[in-house]
């Protein structure tokens, strides 16, 4: 029997949990993205650790290169959350919509594994949007 090494993630557990928890705790501000992302999805206002989110986003885009466009990612997020309507309603509604979609993703098994972590596709897409921004 081979020596079994414990799994070691390049992303510290505390960092990942903190980054994902703050997706719903930070204020969002409408914005304009010249590359096609809508005004209401501003990752730097939704994610506390933008650098870490970008790292996760780059890994997600390596798994799903067909989604490597801000406008496409935003449409995917809007389709799942109804976030397009949330932009005018304020950041609290957007955070609730993202949280509800994250829960639906897990319930439906719509997840991705990034660096050993199981993430809802909605979380991964938000991180990918940050990576492209």
Protein backbone atom coordinates (compact mmCIF):
# COMPACT_ATOMS: atom_id res chain seq x y z
CA UNK A 1 0.00 0.00 0.00
CA UNK A 2 1.34 3.43 -0.97
CA UNK A 3 2.03 6.21 1.47
CA UNK A 4 -1.06 8.37 1.56
CA UNK A 5 -0.35 12.07 1.82
CA UNK A 6 -3.06 14.30 3.28
CA UNK A 7 -4.71 16.53 0.72
CA UNK A 8 -3.25 20.02 0.78
CA UNK A 9 -5.05 22.82 -0.96
CA UNK A 10 -3.18 25.81 -2.36
CA UNK A 11 -6.08 27.94 -1.12
CA UNK A 12 -6.21 28.16 2.68
CA UNK A 13 -9.55 27.01 4.09
CA UNK A 14 -10.01 30.11 6.23
CA UNK A 15 -9.38 32.38 3.27
CA UNK A 16 -11.87 30.55 1.05
CA UNK A 17 -14.58 30.46 3.69
CA UNK A 18 -14.09 34.13 4.50
CA UNK A 19 -14.13 35.13 0.84
CA UNK A 20 -17.30 33.18 0.12
CA UNK A 21 -19.06 34.38 3.26
CA UNK A 22 -18.40 38.00 2.42
CA UNK A 23 -19.98 37.70 -1.01
CA UNK A 24 -23.24 38.35 0.77
CA UNK A 25 -21.96 40.80 3.36
CA UNK A 26 -20.42 43.58 1.25
CA UNK A 27 -22.30 46.47 -0.34
CA UNK A 28 -22.81 46.55 -4.09
CA UNK A 29 -22.83 49.74 -6.14
CA UNK A 30 -24.12 50.07 -9.71
CA UNK A 31 -21.40 50.48 -12.30
CA UNK A 32 -20.74 50.53 -16.01
CA UNK A 33 -18.36 48.04 -17.58
CA UNK A 34 -17.27 48.89 -21.09
CA UNK A 35 -16.68 45.20 -21.82
CA UNK A 36 -20.26 44.05 -21.44
CA UNK A 37 -20.89 43.32 -17.75
CA UNK A 38 -24.01 45.03 -16.40
CA UNK A 39 -23.97 47.90 -13.95
CA UNK A 40 -25.29 45.94 -10.96
CA UNK A 41 -22.67 43.15 -10.90
CA UNK A 42 -19.53 44.73 -9.52
CA UNK A 43 -17.32 41.96 -8.11
CA UNK A 44 -15.01 44.33 -6.26
CA UNK A 45 -18.01 45.43 -4.20
CA UNK A 46 -19.36 41.92 -3.66
CA UNK A 47 -16.13 40.10 -2.78
CA UNK A 48 -13.90 41.03 0.16
CA UNK A 49 -10.74 39.40 -1.22
CA UNK A 50 -10.65 40.40 -4.85
CA UNK A 51 -7.21 38.87 -5.41
CA UNK A 52 -8.33 35.50 -4.09
CA UNK A 53 -11.57 35.67 -6.04
CA UNK A 54 -9.62 36.40 -9.21
CA UNK A 55 -7.43 33.34 -8.56
CA UNK A 56 -10.52 31.15 -8.20
CA UNK A 57 -12.03 32.82 -11.26
CA UNK A 58 -8.99 32.06 -13.40
CA UNK A 59 -9.16 28.41 -12.35
CA UNK A 60 -12.87 28.29 -13.20
CA UNK A 61 -12.22 29.86 -16.61
CA UNK A 62 -9.60 27.19 -17.27
CA UNK A 63 -12.39 24.63 -16.71
CA UNK A 64 -15.01 26.61 -18.66
CA UNK A 65 -13.16 28.72 -21.27
CA UNK A 66 -16.39 29.13 -23.24
CA UNK A 67 -17.58 31.47 -20.45
CA UNK A 68 -14.58 33.83 -20.67
CA UNK A 69 -16.57 36.97 -21.50
CA UNK A 70 -17.89 39.43 -18.91
CA UNK A 71 -21.19 39.89 -20.71
CA UNK A 72 -21.78 36.13 -20.94
CA UNK A 73 -20.94 35.56 -17.27
CA UNK A 74 -23.22 38.41 -16.27
CA UNK A 75 -26.06 36.97 -18.36
CA UNK A 76 -25.54 33.57 -16.72
CA UNK A 77 -25.65 35.16 -13.27
CA UNK A 78 -28.71 37.23 -14.21
CA UNK A 79 -30.54 34.21 -15.62
CA UNK A 80 -30.10 32.25 -12.42
CA UNK A 81 -30.75 35.00 -9.93
CA UNK A 82 -32.95 37.50 -11.70
CA UNK A 83 -30.15 39.89 -10.73
CA UNK A 84 -30.89 42.19 -13.65
CA UNK A 85 -33.91 43.38 -11.72
CA UNK A 86 -31.87 43.53 -8.52
CA UNK A 87 -29.48 46.21 -9.73
CA UNK A 88 -32.03 48.95 -9.35
CA UNK A 89 -33.37 47.54 -6.09
CA UNK A 90 -30.05 47.77 -4.28
CA UNK A 91 -27.25 45.59 -2.98
CA UNK A 92 -29.25 43.75 -0.33
CA UNK A 93 -31.62 42.29 -2.90
CA UNK A 94 -28.67 41.30 -5.11
CA UNK A 95 -26.96 39.54 -2.20
CA UNK A 96 -30.17 37.65 -1.38
CA UNK A 97 -30.62 36.65 -5.02
CA UNK A 98 -27.02 35.39 -5.26
CA UNK A 99 -27.39 33.46 -2.00
CA UNK A 100 -30.65 31.86 -3.17
CA UNK A 101 -29.06 30.86 -6.46
CA UNK A 102 -26.02 29.46 -4.66
CA UNK A 103 -28.33 27.27 -2.58
CA UNK A 104 -30.22 26.13 -5.69
CA UNK A 105 -26.90 25.29 -7.37
CA UNK A 106 -25.90 23.03 -4.49
CA UNK A 107 -29.35 21.42 -4.33
CA UNK A 108 -29.24 20.70 -8.07
CA UNK A 109 -25.63 19.52 -8.00
CA UNK A 110 -24.59 22.44 -10.24
CA UNK A 111 -21.14 22.69 -8.71
CA UNK A 112 -17.51 22.81 -9.77
CA UNK A 113 -14.40 21.58 -8.00
CA UNK A 114 -11.64 24.15 -7.87
CA UNK A 115 -8.44 23.37 -6.02
CA UNK A 116 -10.20 20.64 -4.07
CA UNK A 117 -13.11 22.87 -3.03
CA UNK A 118 -16.70 22.32 -4.12
CA UNK A 119 -18.22 25.62 -5.20
CA UNK A 120 -21.65 26.52 -6.49
CA UNK A 121 -21.40 27.49 -10.15
CA UNK A 122 -22.83 30.91 -9.23
CA UNK A 123 -19.90 31.55 -6.87
CA UNK A 124 -17.40 30.40 -9.47
CA UNK A 125 -18.95 32.63 -12.12
CA UNK A 126 -18.85 35.67 -9.86
CA UNK A 127 -15.16 34.97 -9.22
CA UNK A 128 -14.60 34.53 -12.98
CA UNK A 129 -16.23 37.91 -13.57
CA UNK A 130 -13.73 39.38 -11.10
CA UNK A 131 -10.87 37.65 -12.92
CA UNK A 132 -11.91 39.22 -16.21
CA UNK A 133 -12.38 42.69 -14.72
